C-alpha atoms as a PDB file:
ATOM      1  CA  MET A   1    -112.321-117.444  22.001  1.00  0.00           C
ATOM      2  CA  LYS A   2    -110.470-114.524  21.306  1.00  0.00           C
ATOM      3  CA  GLY A   3    -109.775-115.377  17.922  1.00  0.00           C
ATOM      4  CA  HIS A   4    -113.584-116.367  16.882  1.00  0.00           C
ATOM      5  CA  LEU A   5    -114.612-113.154  18.127  1.00  0.00           C
ATOM      6  CA  ASP A   6    -112.328-111.575  15.950  1.00  0.00           C
ATOM      7  CA  ALA A   7    -112.952-113.716  13.024  1.00  0.00           C
ATOM      8  CA  ALA A   8    -116.817-112.685  13.889  1.00  0.00           C
ATOM      9  CA  ARG A   9    -115.988-108.659  13.612  1.00  0.00           C
ATOM     10  CA  LEU A  10    -114.256-109.360  10.664  1.00  0.00           C
ATOM     11  CA  LEU A  11    -116.705-111.037   8.699  1.00  0.00           C
ATOM     12  CA  GLN A  12    -119.362-108.602  10.328  1.00  0.00           C
ATOM     13  CA  ALA A  13    -117.656-105.770   9.214  1.00  0.00           C
ATOM     14  CA  GLN A  14    -116.580-106.826   5.555  1.00  0.00           C
ATOM     15  CA  VAL A  15    -120.126-108.557   4.884  1.00  0.00           C
ATOM     16  CA  PRO A  16    -122.973-106.859   6.976  1.00  0.00           C
ATOM     17  CA  LEU A  17    -126.056-109.125   6.232  1.00  0.00           C
ATOM     18  CA  SER A  18    -128.080-105.370   5.232  1.00  0.00           C
ATOM     19  CA  LYS A  19    -125.696-105.133   2.205  1.00  0.00           C
ATOM     20  CA  ILE A  20    -126.317-108.544   1.335  1.00  0.00           C
ATOM     21  CA  ILE A  21    -130.493-107.820   1.662  1.00  0.00           C
ATOM     22  CA  LYS A  22    -129.886-104.386   0.091  1.00  0.00           C
ATOM     23  CA  HIS A  23    -128.054-106.448  -3.147  1.00  0.00           C
ATOM     24  CA  LYS A  24    -129.783-109.413  -2.957  1.00  0.00           C
ATOM     25  CA  THR A  25    -133.499-108.505  -3.019  1.00  0.00           C
ATOM     26  CA  SER A  26    -135.879-106.654  -4.661  1.00  0.00           C
ATOM     27  CA  PHE A  27    -137.461-104.968  -0.909  1.00  0.00           C
ATOM     28  CA  GLY A  28    -133.470-104.274   0.509  1.00  0.00           C
ATOM     29  CA  HIS A  29    -133.741-100.680  -0.439  1.00  0.00           C
ATOM     30  CA  ALA A  30    -136.039-100.443   2.461  1.00  0.00           C
ATOM     31  CA  ILE A  31    -133.435-100.603   4.505  1.00  0.00           C
ATOM     32  CA  ARG A  32    -132.809 -96.440   6.117  1.00  0.00           C
ATOM     33  CA  ASP A  33    -130.136 -97.036   8.411  1.00  0.00           C
ATOM     34  CA  GLU A  34    -127.595 -99.858   8.403  1.00  0.00           C
ATOM     35  CA  ALA A  35    -126.048 -98.893  11.645  1.00  0.00           C
ATOM     36  CA  ASP A  36    -129.956 -98.853  13.493  1.00  0.00           C
ATOM     37  CA  PRO A  37    -130.571-102.482  14.376  1.00  0.00           C
ATOM     38  CA  ALA A  38    -134.191-101.659  14.169  1.00  0.00           C
ATOM     39  CA  TRP A  39    -133.786-102.076  10.294  1.00  0.00           C
ATOM     40  CA  TRP A  40    -134.475-105.568  10.871  1.00  0.00           C
ATOM     41  CA  ASP A  41    -137.720-105.255  12.630  1.00  0.00           C
ATOM     42  CA  ASP A  42    -138.933-103.130   9.893  1.00  0.00           C
ATOM     43  CA  LEU A  43    -138.248-105.030   7.151  1.00  0.00           C
ATOM     44  CA  PHE A  44    -139.089-108.039   8.050  1.00  0.00           C
ATOM     45  CA  ALA A  45    -142.178-106.971  11.156  1.00  0.00           C
ATOM     46  CA  ASP A  46    -144.765-108.345   8.744  1.00  0.00           C
ATOM     47  CA  ALA A  47    -142.366-111.204   6.758  1.00  0.00           C
ATOM     48  CA  GLY A  48    -145.121-113.599   6.574  1.00  0.00           C
ATOM     49  CA  VAL A  49    -147.999-111.217   4.736  1.00  0.00           C
ATOM     50  CA  PRO A  50    -146.723-109.991   1.539  1.00  0.00           C
ATOM     51  CA  ASP A  51    -146.405-106.288   0.791  1.00  0.00           C
ATOM     52  CA  PRO A  52    -149.807-105.158  -1.632  1.00  0.00           C
ATOM     53  CA  GLU A  53    -147.066-102.552  -3.495  1.00  0.00           C
ATOM     54  CA  GLU A  54    -144.746-105.486  -4.155  1.00  0.00           C
ATOM     55  CA  MET A  55    -147.127-108.189  -4.848  1.00  0.00           C
ATOM     56  CA  ASP A  56    -146.200-109.507  -8.579  1.00  0.00           C
ATOM     57  CA  GLU A  57    -145.170-113.175  -9.720  1.00  0.00           C
ATOM     58  CA  ASP A  58    -141.526-112.510  -7.825  1.00  0.00           C
ATOM     59  CA  SER A  59    -143.262-111.918  -4.489  1.00  0.00           C
ATOM     60  CA  GLN A  60    -143.749-115.561  -4.125  1.00  0.00           C
ATOM     61  CA  ASP A  61    -141.685-118.574  -3.937  1.00  0.00           C
ATOM     62  CA  ASP A  62    -142.786-121.783  -5.614  1.00  0.00           C
ATOM     63  CA  THR A  63    -144.399-123.412  -2.544  1.00  0.00           C
ATOM     64  CA  GLY A  64    -146.518-119.924  -2.064  1.00  0.00           C
ATOM     65  CA  HIS A  65    -144.474-118.158   0.954  1.00  0.00           C
ATOM     66  CA  SER A  66    -143.388-114.613   0.519  1.00  0.00           C
ATOM     67  CA  ARG A  67    -140.110-114.000  -0.465  1.00  0.00           C
ATOM     68  CA  ARG A  68    -139.421-111.442   1.974  1.00  0.00           C
ATOM     69  CA  GLY A  69    -140.597-114.582   4.840  1.00  0.00           C
ATOM     70  CA  VAL A  70    -138.154-116.468   3.143  1.00  0.00           C
ATOM     71  CA  VAL A  71    -134.789-114.550   3.550  1.00  0.00           C
ATOM     72  CA  ALA A  72    -136.014-113.417   7.035  1.00  0.00           C
ATOM     73  CA  GLU A  73    -135.649-117.094   8.127  1.00  0.00           C
ATOM     74  CA  LEU A  74    -132.663-117.939   5.896  1.00  0.00           C
ATOM     75  CA  ALA A  75    -130.864-114.580   7.263  1.00  0.00           C
ATOM     76  CA  GLN A  76    -131.966-115.186  10.755  1.00  0.00           C
ATOM     77  CA  PRO A  77    -128.528-116.668  11.948  1.00  0.00           C
ATOM     78  CA  LEU A  78    -126.499-114.300  10.606  1.00  0.00           C
ATOM     79  CA  TRP A  79    -128.540-111.538  11.886  1.00  0.00           C
ATOM     80  CA  GLU A  80    -128.128-113.166  15.560  1.00  0.00           C
ATOM     81  CA  LEU A  81    -124.650-113.462  15.065  1.00  0.00           C
ATOM     82  CA  GLU A  82    -124.399-109.959  14.297  1.00  0.00           C
ATOM     83  CA  CYS A  83    -126.261-109.143  17.193  1.00  0.00           C
ATOM     84  CA  LEU A  84    -123.911-111.610  19.670  1.00  0.00           C
ATOM     85  CA  VAL A  85    -120.750-109.913  18.425  1.00  0.00           C
ATOM     86  CA  SER A  86    -122.221-106.543  18.988  1.00  0.00           C
ATOM     87  CA  ALA A  87    -122.985-107.676  22.401  1.00  0.00           C
ATOM     88  CA  LEU A  88    -120.018-108.981  23.062  1.00  0.00           C
ATOM     89  CA  ASP A  89    -117.843-106.311  21.821  1.00  0.00           C
ATOM     90  CA  CYS A  90    -120.000-104.114  23.652  1.00  0.00           C
ATOM     91  CA  LEU A  91    -119.403-105.963  27.065  1.00  0.00           C
ATOM     92  CA  GLU A  92    -115.526-106.296  26.085  1.00  0.00           C
ATOM     93  CA  THR A  93    -115.331-102.875  25.844  1.00  0.00           C
ATOM     94  CA  THR A  94    -117.407-102.138  29.362  1.00  0.00           C
ATOM     95  CA  ALA A  95    -115.006-104.638  30.924  1.00  0.00           C
ATOM     96  CA  TYR A  96    -112.132-102.958  29.723  1.00  0.00           C
ATOM     97  CA  VAL A  97    -113.056 -99.433  30.589  1.00  0.00           C
ATOM     98  CA  ALA A  98    -114.123-100.637  34.070  1.00  0.00           C
ATOM     99  CA  LEU A  99    -110.294-102.527  34.686  1.00  0.00           C
ATOM    100  CA  GLY A 100    -108.903 -99.426  33.135  1.00  0.00           C
ATOM    101  CA  HIS A 101    -110.296 -97.329  35.705  1.00  0.00           C
ATOM    102  CA  GLN A 102    -109.370 -99.804  38.855  1.00  0.00           C
ATOM    103  CA  GLN A 103    -105.838 -99.757  37.844  1.00  0.00           C
END
């Protein structure tokens, strides 16, 4: 298990989802603080409703869905993995500190 967590940490550090979205979408520039997990909600809260300022021929895919909504759907598993890695890292740190103080 430890090896998998280390691999997930490495993935998160080298290829963070926020950077992928910034470089691959027209709306990624809206991510203000990559370290603050609230960027996901800020960016995708209204994923099903296109921003009127962004509405052009590129704002929807061939099926009429908003591109932001499609990106949110496709990116969600990686976002959830990043959240899980952060939570497990926090738990591991807490356990290390707690065990260090007991000895």
